[in-house]
């Protein structure tokens, strides 16, 4: 008997004209389920590149290395690589730059146009000399006029650091009105639709992508939007992932502006520092930042390697909390200067914390923590240690530590909001009652649970229900569209032990189910509690955003009652400003 083999991943290519003299080559990765280890994907992803022909020709970005055997032949069908004069590198993350080395083998004379930081990163990636031109905001690359169309293709560059890498640039073609943004405005969504023809289908993934990658840099997003406002009217945003944005352009730009303005309101923020391209620092810092943002606190990612010393001092000195990574035991001169600037800029009343970068040659985390303690700062959370190559559980632990820090920063604001509610209104709201439930979810190495009472049946056919989930709940990350979870219904008279367990504050990454009897493998979404009155296995279909909660609508796929004589435990409140 032969062993079953997994089906090969579905990879395909798409090549279409999108504007005069402009072609996109889209690499469709249909089955990719994770982007990095902490970013779950439900609809695959795409990697988009572009060819623009004026009097000279420019290629904008390449593709993922997994497409080497197909992408390069397709490119060669469109144009002889020797005829490509310029390669515009929006940023150097491998999913966009994975084939640059292959392209240089075919055309060693191509000029790489990128930010100064990106060119430095590429030198470490391709390990061969190459021609380059470093550009920044307002600088231009003129391709000249295409002799057939008569269109003049003149590129203007906009610096867009931290969206979401420090080396990012946008490129605007004055000839077509297309803005090439790479990660910004993108989404992980794979379909044959080249453009955003169905906004309802892609909106959840657009928001999820923003929350994970752009939200932690909301201040940088607003700076990029200001630079975009100085451009002529856009006809399209050509993104590096997902469909190109043309049909509903105002909607997507408006969303970015609104979301980023909300995240940047006020002055209190946490500065999460990282060392770009060192160990797992980039990804771990993003998990921390994502957690802080879930608590409605502001966050700013700060690259210790690339941030200007004056800007670094300001970002650290004005922050309410500062999180720093471990760094190389023998840092280079520039990084050593940045570390000195960071330590000098710390203020006595700030919260501080430290995390392992897991770069292979780190200064021990205890040494960094001791250095911070010696400066008199308050410890925001215990040092986050990484003892192996980070997996999903590590990223969950970092995200939860970030949420704890975010709640610490917003504590006074939360108390003030509770006190601001009118007394009579507060008491009236408190008369709304609900059942008592434990929501559980598990995905690979990640699992979580929460107590819920804002639950209601929402449809008959198909059977569906709605649950209100606070934005800072750890389980929220496991309840995206397409995810599965279990609603455990608690029994009157038998709920107290479960409530006491799941209502306590868990440290980041703690196993919520330790010491609790569960039935594993019964439901697809997660553990079923042995002492539950009944359970319902559910799949998330839609998410509606409320000011401080997500309203989750889910279809019920399975369920059963353990005690047909039991009744559901009920939760009665006296006030409506907390659970």
Protein backbone atom coordinates (compact mmCIF):
# COMPACT_ATOMS: atom_id res chain seq x y z
CA UNK A 1 0.00 0.00 0.00
CA UNK A 2 1.49 3.33 -1.01
CA UNK A 3 1.35 6.28 1.33
CA UNK A 4 -0.87 9.17 0.34
CA UNK A 5 1.00 12.25 -0.79
CA UNK A 6 -0.12 15.81 -0.27
CA UNK A 7 -1.37 17.61 -3.34
CA UNK A 8 1.16 20.12 -4.66
CA UNK A 9 0.29 23.74 -3.91
CA UNK A 10 -1.64 25.52 -6.63
CA UNK A 11 0.54 28.17 -8.23
CA UNK A 12 -0.46 30.04 -11.36
CA UNK A 13 0.41 33.20 -13.26
CA UNK A 14 -1.62 35.97 -14.82
CA UNK A 15 -0.40 38.57 -17.30
CA UNK A 16 -2.67 41.45 -18.33
CA UNK A 17 -2.44 45.00 -19.61
CA UNK A 18 -3.80 47.43 -17.00
CA UNK A 19 -3.03 50.83 -18.59
CA UNK A 20 -1.22 52.26 -21.65
CA UNK A 21 2.19 50.57 -21.97
CA UNK A 22 1.65 48.94 -18.56
CA UNK A 23 1.36 45.21 -17.83
CA UNK A 24 1.00 43.33 -14.59
CA UNK A 25 2.44 39.88 -13.96
CA UNK A 26 0.54 38.42 -11.01
CA UNK A 27 1.80 35.31 -9.21
CA UNK A 28 -1.23 33.55 -7.72
CA UNK A 29 -0.49 31.48 -4.62
CA UNK A 30 -3.88 29.84 -4.11
CA UNK A 31 -3.18 27.60 -1.14
CA UNK A 32 -0.81 29.60 1.03
CA UNK A 33 -2.31 29.40 4.51
CA UNK A 34 0.18 31.48 6.49
CA UNK A 35 2.16 34.60 5.80
CA UNK A 36 5.07 34.31 8.16
CA UNK A 37 3.97 31.99 10.94
CA UNK A 38 1.75 34.38 12.87
CA UNK A 39 -0.37 35.73 10.01
CA UNK A 40 -3.07 33.23 9.03
CA UNK A 41 -4.43 33.45 5.49
CA UNK A 42 -7.90 32.29 4.43
CA UNK A 43 -7.83 33.15 0.74
CA UNK A 44 -4.21 32.61 -0.36
CA UNK A 45 -2.30 35.58 -1.73
CA UNK A 46 -0.72 37.09 -4.84
CA UNK A 47 2.61 38.73 -5.59
CA UNK A 48 2.23 41.48 -8.18
CA UNK A 49 4.92 42.86 -10.47
CA UNK A 50 4.62 45.41 -13.29
CA UNK A 51 6.30 46.29 -16.59
CA UNK A 52 6.10 49.90 -17.80
CA UNK A 53 7.40 50.80 -21.28
CA UNK A 54 8.29 54.37 -22.16
CA UNK A 55 11.25 55.26 -24.32
CA UNK A 56 13.00 53.05 -21.78
CA UNK A 57 11.52 50.20 -19.75
CA UNK A 58 11.10 49.70 -16.02
CA UNK A 59 10.14 46.58 -14.09
CA UNK A 60 8.52 47.24 -10.72
CA UNK A 61 9.29 44.43 -8.22
CA UNK A 62 9.69 40.72 -8.99
CA UNK A 63 8.09 37.73 -7.25
CA UNK A 64 8.51 34.99 -4.67
CA UNK A 65 11.33 32.50 -5.20
CA UNK A 66 8.77 29.65 -5.46
CA UNK A 67 7.75 31.07 -8.87
CA UNK A 68 11.29 31.03 -10.34
CA UNK A 69 10.56 28.27 -12.87
CA UNK A 70 7.45 29.95 -14.31
CA UNK A 71 7.66 33.70 -13.64
CA UNK A 72 10.95 34.28 -15.42
CA UNK A 73 9.88 32.48 -18.66
CA UNK A 74 6.63 34.50 -18.67
CA UNK A 75 8.60 37.72 -18.22
CA UNK A 76 10.84 36.72 -21.12
CA UNK A 77 7.74 36.21 -23.28
CA UNK A 78 6.83 39.83 -22.62
CA UNK A 79 10.26 41.41 -22.92
CA UNK A 80 13.91 40.48 -23.31
CA UNK A 81 15.44 41.01 -19.83
CA UNK A 82 18.34 42.81 -21.54
CA UNK A 83 15.82 45.43 -22.68
CA UNK A 84 14.81 46.26 -19.10
CA UNK A 85 16.64 49.44 -18.14
CA UNK A 86 15.50 49.88 -14.55
CA UNK A 87 14.22 47.67 -11.74
CA UNK A 88 12.23 49.70 -9.21
CA UNK A 89 12.35 47.88 -5.86
CA UNK A 90 9.46 49.02 -3.68
CA UNK A 91 10.96 47.14 -0.76
CA UNK A 92 13.15 44.13 -0.18
CA UNK A 93 10.98 41.59 1.65
CA UNK A 94 11.66 38.25 -0.09
CA UNK A 95 8.10 37.78 -1.37
CA UNK A 96 8.70 40.76 -3.69
CA UNK A 97 12.47 40.59 -4.21
CA UNK A 98 12.99 36.82 -4.37
CA UNK A 99 13.90 36.79 -8.07
CA UNK A 100 16.14 39.86 -8.24
CA UNK A 101 19.27 37.69 -8.26
CA UNK A 102 17.87 35.66 -11.17
CA UNK A 103 17.11 38.86 -13.07
CA UNK A 104 20.64 40.18 -12.51
CA UNK A 105 22.01 36.95 -13.96
CA UNK A 106 20.12 37.72 -17.17
CA UNK A 107 20.87 41.44 -17.18
CA UNK A 108 23.83 42.48 -14.99
CA UNK A 109 23.56 46.05 -16.29
CA UNK A 110 20.04 46.72 -15.08
CA UNK A 111 19.86 49.74 -12.75
CA UNK A 112 18.13 49.08 -9.43
CA UNK A 113 16.17 52.10 -8.23
CA UNK A 114 15.22 51.99 -4.54
CA UNK A 115 15.54 53.75 -1.21
CA UNK A 116 19.01 54.02 0.31
CA UNK A 117 18.05 51.51 3.01
CA UNK A 118 16.68 49.05 0.44
CA UNK A 119 19.89 49.15 -1.59
CA UNK A 120 21.89 48.35 1.55
CA UNK A 121 19.56 45.42 2.30
CA UNK A 122 19.84 44.12 -1.28
CA UNK A 123 23.61 44.09 -1.09
CA UNK A 124 23.28 41.52 1.70
CA UNK A 125 20.66 39.51 -0.21
CA UNK A 126 22.03 39.07 -3.73
CA UNK A 127 25.76 38.83 -2.86
CA UNK A 128 26.91 40.34 -6.16
CA UNK A 129 27.65 43.87 -7.39
CA UNK A 130 24.86 45.76 -9.14
CA UNK A 131 24.18 49.22 -10.53
CA UNK A 132 21.90 51.26 -8.30
CA UNK A 133 20.31 54.64 -7.75
CA UNK A 134 19.07 55.67 -4.30
CA UNK A 135 15.94 57.83 -4.39
CA UNK A 136 13.78 59.65 -1.85
CA UNK A 137 10.60 61.74 -1.84
CA UNK A 138 10.09 64.06 -4.84
CA UNK A 139 12.95 62.58 -6.87
CA UNK A 140 12.06 61.30 -10.32
CA UNK A 141 12.85 58.68 -12.95
CA UNK A 142 11.85 59.71 -16.47
CA UNK A 143 11.30 56.77 -18.83
CA UNK A 144 10.49 59.09 -21.71
CA UNK A 145 7.59 58.88 -24.16
CA UNK A 146 6.42 55.58 -25.58
CA UNK A 147 6.67 55.97 -29.38
CA UNK A 148 3.50 53.94 -30.06
CA UNK A 149 1.09 55.36 -27.43
CA UNK A 150 2.56 58.83 -27.09
CA UNK A 151 2.30 58.54 -23.29
CA UNK A 152 5.16 60.04 -21.28
CA UNK A 153 6.02 57.85 -18.30
CA UNK A 154 7.62 59.95 -15.58
CA UNK A 155 7.92 58.35 -12.15
CA UNK A 156 7.88 60.39 -8.96
CA UNK A 157 8.94 58.65 -5.76
CA UNK A 158 7.45 59.00 -2.29
CA UNK A 159 9.28 57.79 0.80
CA UNK A 160 6.98 55.54 2.85
CA UNK A 161 9.15 54.09 5.62
CA UNK A 162 7.62 51.47 7.93
CA UNK A 163 4.83 50.49 5.52
CA UNK A 164 5.60 47.95 6.61
CA UNK A 165 9.41 47.80 6.29
CA UNK A 166 11.77 50.76 6.80
CA UNK A 167 12.92 50.64 3.15
CA UNK A 168 9.57 51.16 1.40
CA UNK A 169 9.01 53.67 -1.42
CA UNK A 170 5.89 54.43 -3.48
CA UNK A 171 6.24 55.12 -7.22
CA UNK A 172 3.78 57.36 -9.09
CA UNK A 173 3.59 57.28 -12.90
CA UNK A 174 2.48 60.73 -14.07
CA UNK A 175 1.69 59.24 -17.49
CA UNK A 176 -1.02 56.86 -16.28
CA UNK A 177 -1.92 58.14 -12.81
CA UNK A 178 -1.03 54.79 -11.23
CA UNK A 179 0.53 54.71 -7.76
CA UNK A 180 2.60 51.59 -7.05
CA UNK A 181 2.56 50.93 -3.28
CA UNK A 182 3.74 47.33 -2.76
CA UNK A 183 2.45 46.30 0.71
CA UNK A 184 0.45 49.42 1.55
CA UNK A 185 -3.25 49.14 0.58
CA UNK A 186 -2.69 45.46 -0.19
CA UNK A 187 -4.46 42.37 1.03
CA UNK A 188 -3.84 38.65 1.01
CA UNK A 189 -6.59 37.53 -1.36
CA UNK A 190 -6.14 35.24 -4.35
CA UNK A 191 -8.62 35.31 -7.22
CA UNK A 192 -8.60 35.70 -10.99
CA UNK A 193 -10.06 39.19 -10.64
CA UNK A 194 -7.28 41.62 -11.47
CA UNK A 195 -9.22 44.55 -10.01
CA UNK A 196 -11.37 45.24 -6.93
CA UNK A 197 -14.66 44.40 -8.67
CA UNK A 198 -16.27 42.91 -5.53
CA UNK A 199 -15.53 45.17 -2.55
CA UNK A 200 -17.76 43.16 -0.22
CA UNK A 201 -15.74 40.00 -0.83
CA UNK A 202 -12.35 41.54 -0.20
CA UNK A 203 -13.20 44.08 2.53
CA UNK A 204 -12.64 41.68 5.50
CA UNK A 205 -9.20 40.69 4.20
CA UNK A 206 -8.38 44.34 3.45
CA UNK A 207 -9.14 45.27 7.07
CA UNK A 208 -7.35 42.22 8.52
CA UNK A 209 -4.23 43.07 6.49
CA UNK A 210 -4.35 46.68 7.69
CA UNK A 211 -4.75 45.66 11.33
CA UNK A 212 -1.84 43.22 11.17
CA UNK A 213 0.70 45.17 9.12
CA UNK A 214 -0.26 48.83 8.73
CA UNK A 215 -2.13 49.68 11.94
CA UNK A 216 0.99 49.44 14.16
CA UNK A 217 2.47 52.21 12.00
CA UNK A 218 -0.61 54.43 11.78
CA UNK A 219 1.49 57.59 12.14
CA UNK A 220 3.59 56.53 9.17
CA UNK A 221 0.42 55.75 7.18
CA UNK A 222 -0.84 59.30 7.77
CA UNK A 223 2.49 60.73 6.63
CA UNK A 224 2.28 58.66 3.45
CA UNK A 225 -1.30 59.84 2.85
CA UNK A 226 -0.15 63.45 3.17
CA UNK A 227 2.47 62.85 0.49
CA UNK A 228 -0.17 61.17 -1.69
CA UNK A 229 -2.43 64.24 -1.32
CA UNK A 230 0.23 66.26 -3.16
CA UNK A 231 -0.03 64.07 -6.27
CA UNK A 232 -2.35 64.56 -9.24
CA UNK A 233 -5.58 62.49 -9.08
CA UNK A 234 -4.92 58.76 -8.89
CA UNK A 235 -6.46 56.38 -11.39
CA UNK A 236 -5.33 53.23 -9.62
CA UNK A 237 -3.33 51.90 -6.68
CA UNK A 238 -1.25 48.98 -7.93
CA UNK A 239 -0.55 46.91 -4.83
CA UNK A 240 1.97 44.15 -4.24
CA UNK A 241 -0.65 41.73 -2.89
CA UNK A 242 -4.22 41.00 -3.95
CA UNK A 243 -6.37 42.75 -6.56
CA UNK A 244 -5.38 46.14 -7.93
CA UNK A 245 -7.52 48.97 -6.56
CA UNK A 246 -9.32 50.88 -9.30
CA UNK A 247 -13.10 50.46 -9.09
CA UNK A 248 -13.54 51.72 -5.50
CA UNK A 249 -10.39 53.72 -4.95
CA UNK A 250 -11.95 56.39 -2.73
CA UNK A 251 -13.33 53.73 -0.38
CA UNK A 252 -9.96 52.11 0.27
CA UNK A 253 -8.07 55.38 0.73
CA UNK A 254 -10.82 56.65 3.02
CA UNK A 255 -10.61 53.51 5.13
CA UNK A 256 -6.84 53.92 5.58
CA UNK A 257 -7.28 57.56 6.51
CA UNK A 258 -10.08 56.90 9.01
CA UNK A 259 -8.46 53.88 10.66
CA UNK A 260 -5.07 55.56 10.96
CA UNK A 261 -6.54 58.79 12.31
CA UNK A 262 -8.41 56.83 14.99
CA UNK A 263 -5.25 54.96 15.99
CA UNK A 264 -3.18 58.15 16.14
CA UNK A 265 -5.57 60.27 18.19
CA UNK A 266 -4.01 61.59 21.41
CA UNK A 267 -0.43 61.60 22.61
CA UNK A 268 0.04 58.37 24.60
CA UNK A 269 1.79 55.61 22.67
CA UNK A 270 4.15 52.69 23.03
CA UNK A 271 7.38 52.63 21.04
CA UNK A 272 8.19 49.04 20.04
CA UNK A 273 11.80 48.93 18.90
CA UNK A 274 13.33 46.34 16.60
CA UNK A 275 16.52 45.73 14.63
CA UNK A 276 15.59 45.24 11.00
CA UNK A 277 16.76 42.03 9.35
CA UNK A 278 18.17 40.63 12.58
CA UNK A 279 16.90 37.30 13.82
CA UNK A 280 13.13 37.26 14.25
CA UNK A 281 13.05 40.84 15.49
CA UNK A 282 10.83 42.19 12.69
CA UNK A 283 8.09 39.60 13.14
CA UNK A 284 8.13 39.49 16.92
CA UNK A 285 7.91 43.29 17.13
CA UNK A 286 4.91 43.24 14.81
CA UNK A 287 3.15 40.70 17.05
CA UNK A 288 3.76 42.96 20.06
CA UNK A 289 2.51 45.99 18.16
CA UNK A 290 -0.58 44.16 16.96
CA UNK A 291 -1.45 43.24 20.55
CA UNK A 292 -1.00 46.81 21.77
CA UNK A 293 -3.28 48.04 19.00
CA UNK A 294 -6.00 45.55 19.96
CA UNK A 295 -6.31 47.34 23.31
CA UNK A 296 -7.06 50.60 21.43
CA UNK A 297 -3.66 51.93 22.50
CA UNK A 298 -1.35 53.70 20.09
CA UNK A 299 1.89 52.10 18.98
CA UNK A 300 4.87 53.09 16.87
CA UNK A 301 7.37 50.59 15.49
CA UNK A 302 10.91 51.98 15.60
CA UNK A 303 13.76 50.48 13.59
CA UNK A 304 16.95 50.93 15.59
CA UNK A 305 19.08 50.32 12.52
CA UNK A 306 17.45 52.77 10.10
CA UNK A 307 15.85 55.56 12.17
CA UNK A 308 17.57 58.93 12.15
CA UNK A 309 19.18 59.66 15.59
CA UNK A 310 17.20 62.87 16.14
CA UNK A 311 13.91 61.18 15.21
CA UNK A 312 14.84 58.16 17.37
CA UNK A 313 15.44 60.35 20.40
CA UNK A 314 12.09 62.08 19.90
CA UNK A 315 10.13 58.84 19.42
CA UNK A 316 11.65 57.26 22.54
CA UNK A 317 11.51 60.38 24.71
CA UNK A 318 7.83 61.10 23.94
CA UNK A 319 6.60 57.51 24.36
CA UNK A 320 4.72 56.35 27.45
CA UNK A 321 6.19 52.86 27.10
CA UNK A 322 9.28 51.54 25.30
CA UNK A 323 9.85 47.91 24.35
CA UNK A 324 13.36 46.95 23.22
CA UNK A 325 14.82 43.77 21.74
CA UNK A 326 18.05 42.04 22.54
CA UNK A 327 20.74 43.08 20.07
CA UNK A 328 24.00 41.66 18.78
CA UNK A 329 26.62 41.09 21.46
CA UNK A 330 29.01 43.12 19.31
CA UNK A 331 26.82 45.59 17.39
CA UNK A 332 28.16 47.57 14.46
CA UNK A 333 29.00 51.23 14.89
CA UNK A 334 25.69 52.65 13.61
CA UNK A 335 23.61 50.27 15.70
CA UNK A 336 25.75 50.95 18.77
CA UNK A 337 25.11 54.67 18.31
CA UNK A 338 21.34 54.03 18.05
CA UNK A 339 21.39 51.94 21.24
CA UNK A 340 23.19 54.76 23.03
CA UNK A 341 20.62 57.25 21.73
CA UNK A 342 17.77 55.00 22.89
CA UNK A 343 19.13 54.57 26.41
CA UNK A 344 19.86 58.28 26.75
CA UNK A 345 16.34 59.21 25.62
CA UNK A 346 14.51 57.03 28.18
CA UNK A 347 12.55 58.96 30.83
CA UNK A 348 12.11 57.95 34.50
CA UNK A 349 8.32 57.52 34.37
CA UNK A 350 8.17 55.35 31.26
CA UNK A 351 7.18 51.71 31.21
CA UNK A 352 9.87 49.53 29.63
CA UNK A 353 10.15 45.89 28.62
CA UNK A 354 12.54 43.65 26.70
CA UNK A 355 12.15 40.68 24.37
CA UNK A 356 14.46 38.14 22.76
CA UNK A 357 15.25 38.82 19.10
CA UNK A 358 16.58 35.26 18.72
CA UNK A 359 19.24 36.36 16.29
CA UNK A 360 21.86 33.76 17.22
CA UNK A 361 24.35 36.21 18.69
CA UNK A 362 22.18 38.23 21.06
CA UNK A 363 23.32 40.03 24.16
CA UNK A 364 21.66 37.94 26.92
CA UNK A 365 18.16 39.16 27.69
CA UNK A 366 18.92 39.35 31.41
CA UNK A 367 21.78 41.75 30.70
CA UNK A 368 19.50 44.05 28.70
CA UNK A 369 16.77 43.84 31.36
CA UNK A 370 19.29 44.63 34.10
CA UNK A 371 20.53 47.64 32.12
CA UNK A 372 16.98 48.99 31.85
CA UNK A 373 16.30 48.39 35.55
CA UNK A 374 19.46 50.27 36.45
CA UNK A 375 18.04 53.33 34.70
CA UNK A 376 15.03 53.31 37.04
CA UNK A 377 12.27 52.54 34.56
CA UNK A 378 9.11 50.62 35.46
CA UNK A 379 8.87 47.09 34.06
CA UNK A 380 5.82 46.73 31.78
CA UNK A 381 6.00 42.93 31.59
CA UNK A 382 8.51 40.22 32.43
CA UNK A 383 11.17 39.63 29.74
CA UNK A 384 9.80 37.67 26.79
CA UNK A 385 12.21 34.80 26.22
CA UNK A 386 12.41 32.84 22.97
CA UNK A 387 14.05 29.44 23.41
CA UNK A 388 13.57 28.05 19.90
CA UNK A 389 12.72 29.24 16.41
CA UNK A 390 9.46 31.13 17.13
CA UNK A 391 6.27 29.24 16.35
CA UNK A 392 2.62 30.25 16.42
CA UNK A 393 2.42 29.92 20.21
CA UNK A 394 5.35 32.33 20.63
CA UNK A 395 3.69 34.92 18.42
CA UNK A 396 0.48 34.49 20.39
CA UNK A 397 2.42 35.04 23.62
CA UNK A 398 3.96 38.22 22.24
CA UNK A 399 0.61 39.49 21.01
CA UNK A 400 -0.98 38.86 24.41
CA UNK A 401 1.91 40.62 26.18
CA UNK A 402 1.32 43.58 23.88
CA UNK A 403 -2.37 43.61 24.74
CA UNK A 404 -1.56 43.62 28.46
CA UNK A 405 0.71 46.61 27.89
CA UNK A 406 -1.96 48.35 25.81
CA UNK A 407 -4.51 47.88 28.58
CA UNK A 408 -2.01 49.34 31.04
CA UNK A 409 -1.62 52.44 28.86
CA UNK A 410 -5.38 52.91 28.38
CA UNK A 411 -6.42 52.13 31.97
CA UNK A 412 -7.15 55.74 32.94
CA UNK A 413 -9.02 56.36 29.70
CA UNK A 414 -11.13 53.25 30.27
CA UNK A 415 -12.03 54.28 33.82
CA UNK A 416 -12.92 57.79 32.66
CA UNK A 417 -15.19 56.39 29.95
CA UNK A 418 -16.99 54.19 32.47
CA UNK A 419 -17.57 57.15 34.80
CA UNK A 420 -18.83 59.32 31.95
CA UNK A 421 -21.95 57.23 31.33
CA UNK A 422 -25.12 58.77 32.81
CA UNK A 423 -26.10 56.95 36.02
CA UNK A 424 -29.71 56.20 35.05
CA UNK A 425 -28.72 55.15 31.55
CA UNK A 426 -25.98 52.95 33.00
CA UNK A 427 -28.44 51.22 35.31
CA UNK A 428 -30.98 50.77 32.52
CA UNK A 429 -28.39 49.16 30.25
CA UNK A 430 -27.47 46.85 33.09
CA UNK A 431 -30.95 45.34 33.02
CA UNK A 432 -30.10 43.61 29.73
CA UNK A 433 -29.39 40.01 30.66
CA UNK A 434 -27.69 37.21 28.79
CA UNK A 435 -26.64 33.60 29.09
CA UNK A 436 -23.23 32.43 30.23
CA UNK A 437 -20.93 30.78 27.72
CA UNK A 438 -17.28 29.86 27.21
CA UNK A 439 -16.00 30.39 23.68
CA UNK A 440 -13.05 28.13 22.78
CA UNK A 441 -10.87 28.04 19.67
CA UNK A 442 -7.77 26.20 18.53
CA UNK A 443 -5.63 26.55 15.40
CA UNK A 444 -2.46 24.46 15.19
CA UNK A 445 -0.26 25.57 18.12
CA UNK A 446 -2.56 28.46 19.07
CA UNK A 447 -5.57 28.17 21.36
CA UNK A 448 -7.64 30.50 23.49
CA UNK A 449 -10.91 30.89 25.38
CA UNK A 450 -13.11 33.59 26.85
CA UNK A 451 -16.26 34.02 28.91
CA UNK A 452 -19.13 35.45 26.83
CA UNK A 453 -22.63 36.65 27.64
CA UNK A 454 -23.46 38.85 24.66
CA UNK A 455 -24.65 35.94 22.50
CA UNK A 456 -27.86 35.70 20.47
CA UNK A 457 -29.35 33.48 17.78
CA UNK A 458 -29.27 35.50 14.56
CA UNK A 459 -30.77 33.29 11.83
CA UNK A 460 -32.87 30.16 11.28
CA UNK A 461 -31.71 28.98 7.86
CA UNK A 462 -28.87 28.42 7.95
CA UNK A 463 -28.77 28.37 11.74
CA UNK A 464 -26.60 31.23 12.89
CA UNK A 465 -25.69 33.24 15.94
CA UNK A 466 -23.94 36.47 16.85
CA UNK A 467 -21.33 37.08 19.54
CA UNK A 468 -19.86 40.39 20.68
CA UNK A 469 -16.10 40.02 21.22
CA UNK A 470 -14.10 42.86 22.76
CA UNK A 471 -11.31 44.01 20.47
CA UNK A 472 -8.65 43.33 23.08
CA UNK A 473 -9.64 39.70 23.66
CA UNK A 474 -6.86 37.28 22.79
CA UNK A 475 -9.33 34.91 21.13
CA UNK A 476 -10.31 37.61 18.62
CA UNK A 477 -7.33 36.68 16.46
CA UNK A 478 -8.75 33.15 16.11
CA UNK A 479 -12.22 34.36 15.06
CA UNK A 480 -11.57 35.83 11.63
CA UNK A 481 -13.84 35.15 8.65
CA UNK A 482 -13.61 31.46 7.82
CA UNK A 483 -12.27 30.44 11.24
CA UNK A 484 -14.09 27.94 13.45
CA UNK A 485 -14.80 28.08 17.18
CA UNK A 486 -16.93 26.36 19.81
CA UNK A 487 -19.63 27.97 21.93
CA UNK A 488 -19.85 26.06 25.22
CA UNK A 489 -23.19 26.72 26.94
CA UNK A 490 -22.88 26.69 30.74
CA UNK A 491 -25.46 25.05 33.00
CA UNK A 492 -27.30 26.82 35.81
CA UNK A 493 -25.89 25.65 39.14
CA UNK A 494 -22.73 24.19 37.59
CA UNK A 495 -21.08 27.24 36.07
CA UNK A 496 -19.10 28.77 38.94
CA UNK A 497 -15.94 26.64 38.75
CA UNK A 498 -15.61 27.22 35.01
CA UNK A 499 -16.29 30.93 35.40
CA UNK A 500 -13.68 31.31 38.15
CA UNK A 501 -11.11 29.56 35.96
CA UNK A 502 -11.72 31.46 32.72
CA UNK A 503 -12.32 34.88 34.29
CA UNK A 504 -8.89 35.02 35.93
CA UNK A 505 -6.13 36.97 34.23
CA UNK A 506 -3.82 34.64 32.34
CA UNK A 507 -0.16 35.53 31.75
CA UNK A 508 0.81 35.90 28.08
CA UNK A 509 0.83 32.57 26.27
CA UNK A 510 -0.62 30.58 29.19
CA UNK A 511 -2.61 27.44 28.45
CA UNK A 512 -6.21 28.39 29.19
CA UNK A 513 -7.23 24.73 29.45
CA UNK A 514 -4.70 23.51 32.01
CA UNK A 515 -6.60 21.66 34.73
CA UNK A 516 -9.90 21.77 32.84
CA UNK A 517 -11.62 18.62 31.55
CA UNK A 518 -12.13 18.87 27.80
CA UNK A 519 -13.31 16.68 24.95
CA UNK A 520 -10.87 17.07 22.09
CA UNK A 521 -11.70 16.12 18.52
CA UNK A 522 -15.45 16.41 19.09
CA UNK A 523 -15.81 19.77 17.32
CA UNK A 524 -13.65 21.18 14.55
CA UNK A 525 -13.25 24.65 16.06
CA UNK A 526 -11.71 23.81 19.43
CA UNK A 527 -12.10 22.00 22.74
CA UNK A 528 -15.53 21.14 24.11
CA UNK A 529 -15.74 21.58 27.89
CA UNK A 530 -16.74 18.35 29.61
CA UNK A 531 -18.94 20.20 32.12
CA UNK A 532 -20.80 22.26 29.52
CA UNK A 533 -24.59 21.90 29.24
CA UNK A 534 -24.31 21.90 25.43
CA UNK A 535 -21.97 22.98 22.70
CA UNK A 536 -22.29 24.51 19.23
CA UNK A 537 -19.55 24.23 16.61
CA UNK A 538 -19.51 27.42 14.52
CA UNK A 539 -17.80 28.97 11.49
CA UNK A 540 -17.32 32.75 11.23
CA UNK A 541 -19.12 34.21 8.21
CA UNK A 542 -19.04 37.96 8.85
CA UNK A 543 -17.56 40.51 11.25
CA UNK A 544 -19.15 43.90 11.98
CA UNK A 545 -17.02 46.50 13.71
CA UNK A 546 -18.48 48.34 16.70
CA UNK A 547 -16.52 50.98 18.67
CA UNK A 548 -14.93 48.57 21.17
CA UNK A 549 -16.20 45.16 20.05
CA UNK A 550 -16.39 42.97 16.97
CA UNK A 551 -19.85 41.57 16.27
CA UNK A 552 -19.20 38.06 14.97
CA UNK A 553 -21.89 36.37 12.87
CA UNK A 554 -21.29 32.62 12.58
CA UNK A 555 -23.13 29.69 11.05
CA UNK A 556 -23.72 26.75 13.38
CA UNK A 557 -22.39 23.53 11.84
CA UNK A 558 -22.76 21.03 14.68
CA UNK A 559 -23.79 20.67 18.30
CA UNK A 560 -25.44 18.58 20.97
CA UNK A 561 -26.93 18.79 24.47
CA UNK A 562 -25.26 16.88 27.31
CA UNK A 563 -28.14 17.25 29.79
CA UNK A 564 -31.62 17.65 28.31
CA UNK A 565 -33.01 18.56 31.75
CA UNK A 566 -30.52 21.37 32.42
CA UNK A 567 -31.08 25.10 31.89
CA UNK A 568 -28.68 27.75 30.68
CA UNK A 569 -26.85 29.79 33.30
CA UNK A 570 -27.92 33.44 33.18
CA UNK A 571 -25.87 36.59 33.79
CA UNK A 572 -27.59 39.60 35.41
CA UNK A 573 -25.77 42.93 35.65
CA UNK A 574 -26.59 46.07 37.61
CA UNK A 575 -24.74 48.53 35.35
CA UNK A 576 -24.10 48.65 31.63
CA UNK A 577 -20.55 49.99 31.46
CA UNK A 578 -18.75 46.70 32.09
CA UNK A 579 -19.45 42.99 32.03
